[in-house]
């Protein structure tokens, strides 16, 4: 049994992988416990409950957390005799070529997102929009060449930055989104969503224009007529309804990529 783990800024997500079958994605935020403690509890519970053949023996992990988290996870895995494979951004891996001047500085979660797109949508220009604590927008050609990307504050960060500047405002807690808000809370929530949606649409449109001008696909001249936009991350469900109908929402995007990486890296473990 293998555990796939995505440790983000606000939540830790995981799925179990056994003989090519992946469980649904589970998630827990960090409001009460740190990511490594949550993971340790999961591992200990699984070791006690699972039958021998279904115990977790390997972990494939992608994380944006600090090195201290990684060190703690390594200690937990050593103590429980579990092998750990940490995914880090590289200049090139799994068919994806990283555009960053310093390849290791690209967030590992963004790198996995690119790998997922290249694996699931070969020969297709892609834009990957991840909506979490931060919003990242990355463009990649049909040949797996990452062109680079942009980072925006996420929905909560947008709200927090405004609230801190006014003692009169409460944290928005409404789901009502309208162009003509009649109270401050709705005005903030709606402004944040429409502002971010317009930013995502505008940036994606500019990136699409650039991608469609790239006609050299695998050494051959081929005119591309479309670009697939993928939306993922914790706020994807909320934002998706306001984006282009062609935008494809994937709630377990990184888990799909982690499964591909796990099966490519450790093929014998999936038999």
Foldseek 3Di string as FASTA:
>chain_A
DEKEWEAEPFKIKIWDAALHDIDDIDMDGPPPHDPLVVVLVVLVVQVVPPDPNRHHAEYEYFYPDDVVSVVSNVVSCVVVNHYYHYAFFDCDDLQAGAPDPPRRPPRRLVVLLLNLCCVVPAQAWEWEWAAEQKTKIWTAANRRYTPDIDIGGHLQVQQVVVCVVDVVDDRQDDLDADPDDDDDSNVSNNCSLVVVQVVVQVVVVVSFVVRQVDQQHPNDGHGDDDYAYEYEYDCRVSNVVVHDPRHHYDHCSSVSSSSVVCCVVPVVRSD
